[in-house]
All heavy atoms as atom14 arrays in JSON, in Angstrom:
{
  "sequence": "ISTLEFKNAKSAEKTFRENASTPGRSDMPNPLKVRYISLGKGELSVYP",
  "atom14_mask": [
    [1, 1, 1, 1, 1, 1, 1, 1, 0, 0, 0, 0, 0, 0],
    [1, 1, 1, 1, 1, 1, 0, 0, 0, 0, 0, 0, 0, 0],
    [1, 1, 1, 1, 1, 1, 1, 0, 0, 0, 0, 0, 0, 0],
    [1, 1, 1, 1, 1, 1, 1, 1, 0, 0, 0, 0, 0, 0],
    [1, 1, 1, 1, 1, 1, 1, 1, 1, 0, 0, 0, 0, 0],
    [1, 1, 1, 1, 1, 1, 1, 1, 1, 1, 1, 0, 0, 0],
    [1, 1, 1, 1, 1, 1, 1, 1, 1, 0, 0, 0, 0, 0],
    [1, 1, 1, 1, 1, 1, 1, 1, 0, 0, 0, 0, 0, 0],
    [1, 1, 1, 1, 1, 0, 0, 0, 0, 0, 0, 0, 0, 0],
    [1, 1, 1, 1, 1, 1, 1, 1, 1, 0, 0, 0, 0, 0],
    [1, 1, 1, 1, 1, 1, 0, 0, 0, 0, 0, 0, 0, 0],
    [1, 1, 1, 1, 1, 0, 0, 0, 0, 0, 0, 0, 0, 0],
    [1, 1, 1, 1, 1, 1, 1, 1, 1, 0, 0, 0, 0, 0],
    [1, 1, 1, 1, 1, 1, 1, 1, 1, 0, 0, 0, 0, 0],
    [1, 1, 1, 1, 1, 1, 1, 0, 0, 0, 0, 0, 0, 0],
    [1, 1, 1, 1, 1, 1, 1, 1, 1, 1, 1, 0, 0, 0],
    [1, 1, 1, 1, 1, 1, 1, 1, 1, 1, 1, 0, 0, 0],
    [1, 1, 1, 1, 1, 1, 1, 1, 1, 0, 0, 0, 0, 0],
    [1, 1, 1, 1, 1, 1, 1, 1, 0, 0, 0, 0, 0, 0],
    [1, 1, 1, 1, 1, 0, 0, 0, 0, 0, 0, 0, 0, 0],
    [1, 1, 1, 1, 1, 1, 0, 0, 0, 0, 0, 0, 0, 0],
    [1, 1, 1, 1, 1, 1, 1, 0, 0, 0, 0, 0, 0, 0],
    [1, 1, 1, 1, 1, 1, 1, 0, 0, 0, 0, 0, 0, 0],
    [1, 1, 1, 1, 0, 0, 0, 0, 0, 0, 0, 0, 0, 0],
    [1, 1, 1, 1, 1, 1, 1, 1, 1, 1, 1, 0, 0, 0],
    [1, 1, 1, 1, 1, 1, 0, 0, 0, 0, 0, 0, 0, 0],
    [1, 1, 1, 1, 1, 1, 1, 1, 0, 0, 0, 0, 0, 0],
    [1, 1, 1, 1, 1, 1, 1, 1, 0, 0, 0, 0, 0, 0],
    [1, 1, 1, 1, 1, 1, 1, 0, 0, 0, 0, 0, 0, 0],
    [1, 1, 1, 1, 1, 1, 1, 1, 0, 0, 0, 0, 0, 0],
    [1, 1, 1, 1, 1, 1, 1, 0, 0, 0, 0, 0, 0, 0],
    [1, 1, 1, 1, 1, 1, 1, 1, 0, 0, 0, 0, 0, 0],
    [1, 1, 1, 1, 1, 1, 1, 1, 1, 0, 0, 0, 0, 0],
    [1, 1, 1, 1, 1, 1, 1, 0, 0, 0, 0, 0, 0, 0],
    [1, 1, 1, 1, 1, 1, 1, 1, 1, 1, 1, 0, 0, 0],
    [1, 1, 1, 1, 1, 1, 1, 1, 1, 1, 1, 1, 0, 0],
    [1, 1, 1, 1, 1, 1, 1, 1, 0, 0, 0, 0, 0, 0],
    [1, 1, 1, 1, 1, 1, 0, 0, 0, 0, 0, 0, 0, 0],
    [1, 1, 1, 1, 1, 1, 1, 1, 0, 0, 0, 0, 0, 0],
    [1, 1, 1, 1, 0, 0, 0, 0, 0, 0, 0, 0, 0, 0],
    [1, 1, 1, 1, 1, 1, 1, 1, 1, 0, 0, 0, 0, 0],
    [1, 1, 1, 1, 0, 0, 0, 0, 0, 0, 0, 0, 0, 0],
    [1, 1, 1, 1, 1, 1, 1, 1, 1, 0, 0, 0, 0, 0],
    [1, 1, 1, 1, 1, 1, 1, 1, 0, 0, 0, 0, 0, 0],
    [1, 1, 1, 1, 1, 1, 0, 0, 0, 0, 0, 0, 0, 0],
    [1, 1, 1, 1, 1, 1, 1, 0, 0, 0, 0, 0, 0, 0],
    [1, 1, 1, 1, 1, 1, 1, 1, 1, 1, 1, 1, 0, 0],
    [1, 1, 1, 1, 1, 1, 1, 0, 0, 0, 0, 0, 0, 0]
  ],
  "atom14_positions": [
    [[-62.57, 14.24, -169.95], [-63.89, 14.43, -170.51], [-63.74, 14.71, -172.03], [-64.33, 14.21, -172.87], [-64.68, 15.67, -169.9], [-65.05, 15.17, -168.33], [-65.91, 16.04, -170.68], [-65.66, 16.25, -167.6], [0.0, 0.0, 0.0], [0.0, 0.0, 0.0], [0.0, 0.0, 0.0], [0.0, 0.0, 0.0], [0.0, 0.0, 0.0], [0.0, 0.0, 0.0]],
    [[-62.94, 15.66, -172.33], [-62.63, 15.97, -173.78], [-61.37, 16.76, -173.75], [-60.9, 17.25, -172.84], [-63.84, 16.91, -174.39], [-63.59, 17.1, -175.64], [0.0, 0.0, 0.0], [0.0, 0.0, 0.0], [0.0, 0.0, 0.0], [0.0, 0.0, 0.0], [0.0, 0.0, 0.0], [0.0, 0.0, 0.0], [0.0, 0.0, 0.0], [0.0, 0.0, 0.0]],
    [[-60.71, 16.85, -175.11], [-59.44, 17.57, -175.27], [-59.65, 18.46, -176.5], [-60.21, 18.07, -177.55], [-58.24, 16.59, -175.58], [-58.22, 15.8, -174.34], [-57.11, 17.45, -175.68], [0.0, 0.0, 0.0], [0.0, 0.0, 0.0], [0.0, 0.0, 0.0], [0.0, 0.0, 0.0], [0.0, 0.0, 0.0], [0.0, 0.0, 0.0], [0.0, 0.0, 0.0]],
    [[-59.32, 19.82, -176.32], [-59.29, 20.65, -177.62], [-57.92, 20.74, -178.02], [-56.93, 20.8, -177.38], [-59.7, 22.12, -177.03], [-60.94, 22.29, -176.25], [-61.25, 23.8, -176.05], [-62.11, 21.51, -176.87], [0.0, 0.0, 0.0], [0.0, 0.0, 0.0], [0.0, 0.0, 0.0], [0.0, 0.0, 0.0], [0.0, 0.0, 0.0], [0.0, 0.0, 0.0]],
    [[-57.78, 20.63, -179.44], [-56.51, 20.49, -180.19], [-56.43, 21.76, -181.04], [-57.29, 22.07, -181.85], [-56.45, 19.37, -181.06], [-55.18, 19.24, -181.78], [-55.07, 17.87, -182.56], [-56.03, 17.71, -183.56], [-54.26, 17.1, -182.31], [0.0, 0.0, 0.0], [0.0, 0.0, 0.0], [0.0, 0.0, 0.0], [0.0, 0.0, 0.0], [0.0, 0.0, 0.0]],
    [[-55.46, 22.74, -180.8], [-55.25, 23.86, -181.43], [-54.25, 23.85, -182.55], [-53.45, 22.93, -182.55], [-54.88, 25.15, -180.43], [-55.95, 25.19, -179.38], [-56.21, 24.42, -178.3], [-56.88, 26.29, -179.5], [-57.18, 24.63, -177.4], [-57.92, 26.56, -178.51], [-57.98, 25.65, -177.53], [0.0, 0.0, 0.0], [0.0, 0.0, 0.0], [0.0, 0.0, 0.0]],
    [[-54.2, 25.0, -183.31], [-53.19, 25.05, -184.46], [-51.94, 25.78, -183.93], [-50.85, 25.58, -184.44], [-53.73, 25.85, -185.59], [-54.6, 24.91, -186.49], [-53.75, 23.95, -187.18], [-54.65, 23.12, -188.18], [-53.93, 21.92, -188.82], [0.0, 0.0, 0.0], [0.0, 0.0, 0.0], [0.0, 0.0, 0.0], [0.0, 0.0, 0.0], [0.0, 0.0, 0.0]],
    [[-52.01, 26.62, -182.91], [-50.84, 27.31, -182.39], [-50.88, 27.32, -180.78], [-51.94, 27.37, -180.17], [-50.64, 28.79, -183.01], [-51.79, 29.64, -182.53], [-51.77, 30.12, -181.46], [-52.79, 29.87, -183.42], [0.0, 0.0, 0.0], [0.0, 0.0, 0.0], [0.0, 0.0, 0.0], [0.0, 0.0, 0.0], [0.0, 0.0, 0.0], [0.0, 0.0, 0.0]],
    [[-49.8, 27.33, -180.25], [-49.66, 27.31, -178.78], [-50.15, 28.57, -178.05], [-50.73, 28.44, -176.91], [-48.11, 27.13, -178.43], [0.0, 0.0, 0.0], [0.0, 0.0, 0.0], [0.0, 0.0, 0.0], [0.0, 0.0, 0.0], [0.0, 0.0, 0.0], [0.0, 0.0, 0.0], [0.0, 0.0, 0.0], [0.0, 0.0, 0.0], [0.0, 0.0, 0.0]],
    [[-50.18, 29.7, -178.81], [-50.6, 30.94, -178.13], [-52.16, 30.84, -177.87], [-52.72, 31.29, -176.89], [-50.27, 32.16, -179.07], [-50.75, 33.51, -178.39], [-50.47, 34.65, -179.46], [-49.1, 34.85, -179.62], [-48.79, 36.07, -180.45], [0.0, 0.0, 0.0], [0.0, 0.0, 0.0], [0.0, 0.0, 0.0], [0.0, 0.0, 0.0], [0.0, 0.0, 0.0]],
    [[-52.81, 30.31, -178.98], [-54.32, 30.17, -178.79], [-54.61, 29.08, -177.7], [-55.59, 29.32, -176.88], [-54.81, 29.67, -180.14], [-56.36, 29.57, -180.05], [0.0, 0.0, 0.0], [0.0, 0.0, 0.0], [0.0, 0.0, 0.0], [0.0, 0.0, 0.0], [0.0, 0.0, 0.0], [0.0, 0.0, 0.0], [0.0, 0.0, 0.0], [0.0, 0.0, 0.0]],
    [[-53.87, 27.98, -177.61], [-54.07, 26.92, -176.56], [-53.91, 27.59, -175.28], [-54.68, 27.31, -174.28], [-53.22, 25.82, -176.91], [0.0, 0.0, 0.0], [0.0, 0.0, 0.0], [0.0, 0.0, 0.0], [0.0, 0.0, 0.0], [0.0, 0.0, 0.0], [0.0, 0.0, 0.0], [0.0, 0.0, 0.0], [0.0, 0.0, 0.0], [0.0, 0.0, 0.0]],
    [[-52.82, 28.31, -175.07], [-52.54, 28.77, -173.78], [-53.56, 29.8, -173.32], [-53.91, 30.0, -172.1], [-51.17, 29.64, -173.81], [-50.69, 30.38, -172.6], [-50.45, 29.4, -171.36], [-50.18, 28.29, -171.69], [-50.55, 29.88, -170.16], [0.0, 0.0, 0.0], [0.0, 0.0, 0.0], [0.0, 0.0, 0.0], [0.0, 0.0, 0.0], [0.0, 0.0, 0.0]],
    [[-54.07, 30.62, -174.17], [-55.13, 31.64, -174.02], [-56.33, 30.89, -173.51], [-56.93, 31.36, -172.42], [-55.38, 32.53, -175.28], [-56.42, 33.52, -174.97], [-56.65, 34.3, -176.31], [-57.63, 35.48, -176.21], [-58.98, 35.01, -176.11], [0.0, 0.0, 0.0], [0.0, 0.0, 0.0], [0.0, 0.0, 0.0], [0.0, 0.0, 0.0], [0.0, 0.0, 0.0]],
    [[-56.77, 29.93, -174.04], [-57.91, 29.15, -173.61], [-57.61, 28.49, -172.28], [-58.61, 28.49, -171.4], [-58.24, 27.96, -174.63], [-58.62, 28.54, -175.91], [-59.33, 27.14, -174.13], [0.0, 0.0, 0.0], [0.0, 0.0, 0.0], [0.0, 0.0, 0.0], [0.0, 0.0, 0.0], [0.0, 0.0, 0.0], [0.0, 0.0, 0.0], [0.0, 0.0, 0.0]],
    [[-56.46, 28.01, -172.15], [-56.19, 27.44, -170.75], [-56.31, 28.49, -169.59], [-56.85, 28.2, -168.6], [-54.76, 26.78, -170.77], [-54.36, 26.19, -169.39], [-54.91, 25.18, -168.91], [-53.3, 26.88, -168.7], [-54.62, 24.59, -167.7], [-52.85, 26.23, -167.45], [-53.44, 25.11, -166.98], [0.0, 0.0, 0.0], [0.0, 0.0, 0.0], [0.0, 0.0, 0.0]],
    [[-55.79, 29.59, -169.94], [-55.85, 30.68, -168.82], [-57.3, 31.11, -168.58], [-57.62, 31.42, -167.39], [-55.02, 31.9, -169.34], [-53.56, 31.76, -169.46], [-52.75, 33.17, -169.4], [-53.31, 33.93, -170.5], [-52.84, 33.98, -171.7], [-51.79, 33.26, -171.97], [-53.29, 34.82, -172.62], [0.0, 0.0, 0.0], [0.0, 0.0, 0.0], [0.0, 0.0, 0.0]],
    [[-58.05, 31.09, -169.63], [-59.49, 31.4, -169.49], [-60.22, 30.42, -168.65], [-61.29, 30.81, -167.9], [-60.26, 31.6, -170.82], [-59.75, 32.79, -171.57], [-60.15, 32.81, -173.05], [-60.68, 31.61, -173.52], [-60.03, 33.78, -173.76], [0.0, 0.0, 0.0], [0.0, 0.0, 0.0], [0.0, 0.0, 0.0], [0.0, 0.0, 0.0], [0.0, 0.0, 0.0]],
    [[-59.75, 29.21, -168.45], [-60.32, 28.23, -167.65], [-59.74, 28.28, -166.16], [-60.28, 27.48, -165.24], [-59.98, 26.82, -168.13], [-60.6, 26.54, -169.42], [-61.62, 27.18, -169.78], [-59.89, 25.68, -170.23], [0.0, 0.0, 0.0], [0.0, 0.0, 0.0], [0.0, 0.0, 0.0], [0.0, 0.0, 0.0], [0.0, 0.0, 0.0], [0.0, 0.0, 0.0]],
    [[-58.9, 29.21, -165.86], [-58.37, 29.39, -164.51], [-59.37, 29.51, -163.39], [-59.06, 29.23, -162.29], [-57.23, 30.39, -164.53], [0.0, 0.0, 0.0], [0.0, 0.0, 0.0], [0.0, 0.0, 0.0], [0.0, 0.0, 0.0], [0.0, 0.0, 0.0], [0.0, 0.0, 0.0], [0.0, 0.0, 0.0], [0.0, 0.0, 0.0], [0.0, 0.0, 0.0]],
    [[-60.45, 30.16, -163.83], [-61.56, 30.37, -162.67], [-62.02, 29.17, -162.1], [-62.69, 29.2, -161.08], [-62.71, 31.27, -163.3], [-63.34, 30.56, -164.37], [0.0, 0.0, 0.0], [0.0, 0.0, 0.0], [0.0, 0.0, 0.0], [0.0, 0.0, 0.0], [0.0, 0.0, 0.0], [0.0, 0.0, 0.0], [0.0, 0.0, 0.0], [0.0, 0.0, 0.0]],
    [[-61.93, 28.07, -162.78], [-62.38, 26.72, -162.18], [-61.04, 25.84, -162.08], [-60.64, 25.08, -162.89], [-63.26, 26.0, -163.25], [-64.44, 26.9, -163.44], [-63.87, 24.78, -162.58], [0.0, 0.0, 0.0], [0.0, 0.0, 0.0], [0.0, 0.0, 0.0], [0.0, 0.0, 0.0], [0.0, 0.0, 0.0], [0.0, 0.0, 0.0], [0.0, 0.0, 0.0]],
    [[-60.29, 26.01, -160.96], [-59.15, 25.16, -160.64], [-59.26, 23.71, -160.85], [-60.28, 23.1, -160.43], [-58.89, 25.47, -159.15], [-59.53, 26.86, -158.85], [-60.85, 26.68, -159.76], [0.0, 0.0, 0.0], [0.0, 0.0, 0.0], [0.0, 0.0, 0.0], [0.0, 0.0, 0.0], [0.0, 0.0, 0.0], [0.0, 0.0, 0.0], [0.0, 0.0, 0.0]],
    [[-58.31, 23.19, -161.63], [-58.36, 21.7, -161.85], [-59.14, 21.25, -162.95], [-59.2, 20.06, -163.32], [0.0, 0.0, 0.0], [0.0, 0.0, 0.0], [0.0, 0.0, 0.0], [0.0, 0.0, 0.0], [0.0, 0.0, 0.0], [0.0, 0.0, 0.0], [0.0, 0.0, 0.0], [0.0, 0.0, 0.0], [0.0, 0.0, 0.0], [0.0, 0.0, 0.0]],
    [[-59.97, 22.15, -163.66], [-60.84, 21.66, -164.58], [-60.04, 21.32, -165.9], [-60.59, 20.46, -166.7], [-61.87, 22.78, -164.88], [-62.8, 22.49, -166.06], [-63.49, 21.2, -165.94], [-64.81, 21.53, -165.19], [-65.76, 20.53, -164.82], [-65.27, 19.17, -165.02], [-66.73, 20.77, -164.16], [0.0, 0.0, 0.0], [0.0, 0.0, 0.0], [0.0, 0.0, 0.0]],
    [[-59.0, 21.93, -166.13], [-58.28, 21.67, -167.36], [-56.65, 21.62, -167.13], [-56.15, 22.16, -166.14], [-58.6, 22.68, -168.53], [-58.08, 24.04, -168.13], [0.0, 0.0, 0.0], [0.0, 0.0, 0.0], [0.0, 0.0, 0.0], [0.0, 0.0, 0.0], [0.0, 0.0, 0.0], [0.0, 0.0, 0.0], [0.0, 0.0, 0.0], [0.0, 0.0, 0.0]],
    [[-56.01, 20.87, -168.06], [-54.61, 21.07, -168.06], [-54.05, 21.08, -169.51], [-54.82, 21.01, -170.39], [-53.87, 19.89, -167.21], [-54.18, 18.37, -167.87], [-54.75, 18.41, -169.0], [-53.89, 17.38, -167.32], [0.0, 0.0, 0.0], [0.0, 0.0, 0.0], [0.0, 0.0, 0.0], [0.0, 0.0, 0.0], [0.0, 0.0, 0.0], [0.0, 0.0, 0.0]],
    [[-52.73, 21.07, -169.74], [-52.18, 21.17, -171.06], [-51.19, 19.93, -171.19], [-50.01, 19.96, -170.78], [-51.46, 22.36, -171.23], [-52.36, 23.61, -171.37], [-51.64, 25.1, -171.92], [-51.39, 24.76, -173.63], [0.0, 0.0, 0.0], [0.0, 0.0, 0.0], [0.0, 0.0, 0.0], [0.0, 0.0, 0.0], [0.0, 0.0, 0.0], [0.0, 0.0, 0.0]],
    [[-51.61, 18.8, -171.72], [-50.84, 17.6, -171.98], [-49.65, 18.05, -172.94], [-48.56, 17.36, -172.88], [-51.61, 16.6, -172.51], [-52.82, 17.26, -173.02], [-53.09, 18.55, -172.23], [0.0, 0.0, 0.0], [0.0, 0.0, 0.0], [0.0, 0.0, 0.0], [0.0, 0.0, 0.0], [0.0, 0.0, 0.0], [0.0, 0.0, 0.0], [0.0, 0.0, 0.0]],
    [[-49.84, 18.98, -173.77], [-48.8, 19.42, -174.72], [-49.16, 20.93, -175.07], [-50.16, 21.32, -174.85], [-48.56, 18.52, -175.86], [-49.71, 18.58, -176.9], [-50.15, 19.65, -177.3], [-50.01, 17.31, -177.21], [0.0, 0.0, 0.0], [0.0, 0.0, 0.0], [0.0, 0.0, 0.0], [0.0, 0.0, 0.0], [0.0, 0.0, 0.0], [0.0, 0.0, 0.0]],
    [[-48.22, 21.69, -175.68], [-48.52, 23.06, -175.96], [-49.63, 23.3, -176.93], [-50.1, 24.43, -177.03], [-47.17, 23.52, -176.65], [-46.15, 22.71, -176.04], [-46.75, 21.35, -176.01], [0.0, 0.0, 0.0], [0.0, 0.0, 0.0], [0.0, 0.0, 0.0], [0.0, 0.0, 0.0], [0.0, 0.0, 0.0], [0.0, 0.0, 0.0], [0.0, 0.0, 0.0]],
    [[-50.2, 22.28, -177.67], [-51.22, 22.51, -178.56], [-52.59, 22.0, -178.03], [-53.47, 21.97, -178.76], [-50.82, 21.88, -179.9], [-49.61, 22.51, -180.65], [-49.38, 21.76, -181.97], [-49.93, 23.94, -180.93], [0.0, 0.0, 0.0], [0.0, 0.0, 0.0], [0.0, 0.0, 0.0], [0.0, 0.0, 0.0], [0.0, 0.0, 0.0], [0.0, 0.0, 0.0]],
    [[-52.57, 21.39, -176.88], [-53.86, 20.75, -176.44], [-54.27, 21.32, -175.01], [-53.41, 21.6, -174.11], [-53.7, 19.17, -176.34], [-53.59, 18.65, -177.78], [-53.41, 17.13, -177.59], [-53.47, 16.49, -179.1], [-53.41, 14.91, -178.98], [0.0, 0.0, 0.0], [0.0, 0.0, 0.0], [0.0, 0.0, 0.0], [0.0, 0.0, 0.0], [0.0, 0.0, 0.0]],
    [[-55.57, 21.37, -174.85], [-56.17, 21.64, -173.58], [-57.07, 20.48, -173.25], [-58.07, 20.33, -173.91], [-56.85, 22.96, -173.52], [-57.56, 23.25, -172.13], [-55.96, 24.23, -173.73], [0.0, 0.0, 0.0], [0.0, 0.0, 0.0], [0.0, 0.0, 0.0], [0.0, 0.0, 0.0], [0.0, 0.0, 0.0], [0.0, 0.0, 0.0], [0.0, 0.0, 0.0]],
    [[-56.89, 19.85, -172.11], [-57.64, 18.73, -171.66], [-58.62, 19.05, -170.65], [-58.2, 19.85, -169.71], [-56.75, 17.51, -171.16], [-57.52, 16.36, -170.8], [-56.53, 15.16, -170.5], [-55.82, 15.47, -169.16], [-55.96, 14.78, -168.05], [-56.74, 13.7, -168.11], [-55.3, 15.06, -167.08], [0.0, 0.0, 0.0], [0.0, 0.0, 0.0], [0.0, 0.0, 0.0]],
    [[-59.82, 18.74, -170.82], [-60.83, 18.96, -169.8], [-61.04, 17.79, -168.95], [-61.18, 16.7, -169.34], [-62.23, 19.36, -170.28], [-62.2, 20.79, -170.91], [-61.79, 20.95, -172.26], [-62.47, 21.76, -170.18], [-61.78, 22.28, -172.74], [-62.41, 23.09, -170.67], [-62.16, 23.39, -171.96], [-61.97, 24.65, -172.42], [0.0, 0.0, 0.0], [0.0, 0.0, 0.0]],
    [[-61.13, 18.0, -167.49], [-61.03, 16.93, -166.54], [-62.24, 16.93, -165.67], [-62.76, 17.98, -165.3], [-59.66, 17.07, -165.72], [-58.47, 17.1, -166.68], [-59.58, 15.99, -164.64], [-57.26, 17.7, -166.01], [0.0, 0.0, 0.0], [0.0, 0.0, 0.0], [0.0, 0.0, 0.0], [0.0, 0.0, 0.0], [0.0, 0.0, 0.0], [0.0, 0.0, 0.0]],
    [[-62.82, 15.84, -165.18], [-63.76, 15.76, -164.38], [-63.37, 16.2, -162.95], [-62.34, 15.92, -162.5], [-64.4, 14.25, -164.24], [-65.36, 14.24, -163.22], [0.0, 0.0, 0.0], [0.0, 0.0, 0.0], [0.0, 0.0, 0.0], [0.0, 0.0, 0.0], [0.0, 0.0, 0.0], [0.0, 0.0, 0.0], [0.0, 0.0, 0.0], [0.0, 0.0, 0.0]],
    [[-64.33, 17.0, -162.29], [-64.13, 17.38, -160.95], [-65.13, 16.86, -159.98], [-65.14, 17.17, -158.81], [-64.23, 19.03, -160.84], [-63.21, 19.68, -161.6], [-63.45, 21.29, -161.5], [-61.76, 19.44, -161.12], [0.0, 0.0, 0.0], [0.0, 0.0, 0.0], [0.0, 0.0, 0.0], [0.0, 0.0, 0.0], [0.0, 0.0, 0.0], [0.0, 0.0, 0.0]],
    [[-65.9, 15.82, -160.54], [-66.95, 15.34, -159.78], [-66.76, 14.05, -158.97], [-65.66, 13.47, -159.22], [0.0, 0.0, 0.0], [0.0, 0.0, 0.0], [0.0, 0.0, 0.0], [0.0, 0.0, 0.0], [0.0, 0.0, 0.0], [0.0, 0.0, 0.0], [0.0, 0.0, 0.0], [0.0, 0.0, 0.0], [0.0, 0.0, 0.0], [0.0, 0.0, 0.0]],
    [[-67.68, 13.54, -158.38], [-67.68, 12.24, -157.59], [-67.91, 11.11, -158.57], [-67.57, 9.95, -158.33], [-68.65, 12.23, -156.62], [-68.31, 13.22, -155.49], [-69.5, 13.22, -154.36], [-69.27, 14.25, -153.3], [-70.27, 14.14, -152.18], [0.0, 0.0, 0.0], [0.0, 0.0, 0.0], [0.0, 0.0, 0.0], [0.0, 0.0, 0.0], [0.0, 0.0, 0.0]],
    [[-68.55, 11.3, -159.79], [-68.8, 10.25, -160.58], [-69.86, 9.21, -159.97], [-69.7, 8.0, -160.18], [0.0, 0.0, 0.0], [0.0, 0.0, 0.0], [0.0, 0.0, 0.0], [0.0, 0.0, 0.0], [0.0, 0.0, 0.0], [0.0, 0.0, 0.0], [0.0, 0.0, 0.0], [0.0, 0.0, 0.0], [0.0, 0.0, 0.0], [0.0, 0.0, 0.0]],
    [[-70.86, 9.67, -159.14], [-71.63, 8.83, -158.34], [-72.49, 7.92, -159.18], [-72.9, 6.89, -158.75], [-72.45, 9.66, -157.36], [-73.51, 10.49, -157.88], [-73.11, 11.85, -158.5], [-71.93, 11.98, -158.57], [-74.11, 12.66, -158.76], [0.0, 0.0, 0.0], [0.0, 0.0, 0.0], [0.0, 0.0, 0.0], [0.0, 0.0, 0.0], [0.0, 0.0, 0.0]],
    [[-72.73, 8.38, -160.42], [-73.69, 7.56, -161.33], [-72.95, 6.44, -162.05], [-73.53, 5.63, -162.7], [-74.39, 8.47, -162.16], [-75.3, 9.56, -161.65], [-76.08, 10.27, -162.74], [-76.32, 9.01, -160.67], [0.0, 0.0, 0.0], [0.0, 0.0, 0.0], [0.0, 0.0, 0.0], [0.0, 0.0, 0.0], [0.0, 0.0, 0.0], [0.0, 0.0, 0.0]],
    [[-71.54, 6.49, -161.95], [-70.81, 5.57, -162.76], [-71.02, 4.08, -162.19], [-70.59, 3.1, -162.95], [-69.31, 5.87, -162.68], [-68.78, 5.76, -161.36], [0.0, 0.0, 0.0], [0.0, 0.0, 0.0], [0.0, 0.0, 0.0], [0.0, 0.0, 0.0], [0.0, 0.0, 0.0], [0.0, 0.0, 0.0], [0.0, 0.0, 0.0], [0.0, 0.0, 0.0]],
    [[-71.57, 3.97, -161.06], [-71.67, 2.52, -160.54], [-73.1, 1.84, -161.14], [-73.31, 0.64, -161.0], [-71.88, 2.65, -158.93], [-70.55, 3.12, -158.42], [-73.02, 3.35, -158.53], [0.0, 0.0, 0.0], [0.0, 0.0, 0.0], [0.0, 0.0, 0.0], [0.0, 0.0, 0.0], [0.0, 0.0, 0.0], [0.0, 0.0, 0.0], [0.0, 0.0, 0.0]],
    [[-73.76, 2.66, -161.89], [-75.14, 2.22, -162.45], [-74.92, 1.77, -163.97], [-74.01, 2.41, -164.52], [-76.18, 3.27, -162.33], [-76.66, 3.66, -160.95], [-76.05, 4.54, -160.25], [-77.75, 2.86, -160.43], [-76.52, 4.92, -158.99], [-78.28, 3.21, -159.07], [-77.55, 4.2, -158.5], [-78.04, 4.55, -157.16], [0.0, 0.0, 0.0], [0.0, 0.0, 0.0]],
    [[-75.68, 0.82, -164.34], [-75.63, 0.6, -165.85], [-76.22, 1.77, -166.56], [-77.35, 2.2, -166.03], [-76.41, -0.77, -166.05], [-77.24, -0.81, -164.79], [-76.5, -0.1, -163.65], [0.0, 0.0, 0.0], [0.0, 0.0, 0.0], [0.0, 0.0, 0.0], [0.0, 0.0, 0.0], [0.0, 0.0, 0.0], [0.0, 0.0, 0.0], [0.0, 0.0, 0.0]]
  ]
}
């Protein structure tokens, strides 16, 4: 969905931990980035 890019790894890690209440919503592709991920079915993607 979107990726947050931080200036330091500590800030990125802090944000990632704050997202822990929603399992699977985010990951860290590298120490400076937190990626937000869809958890839905995407049922509307079949429509124009």
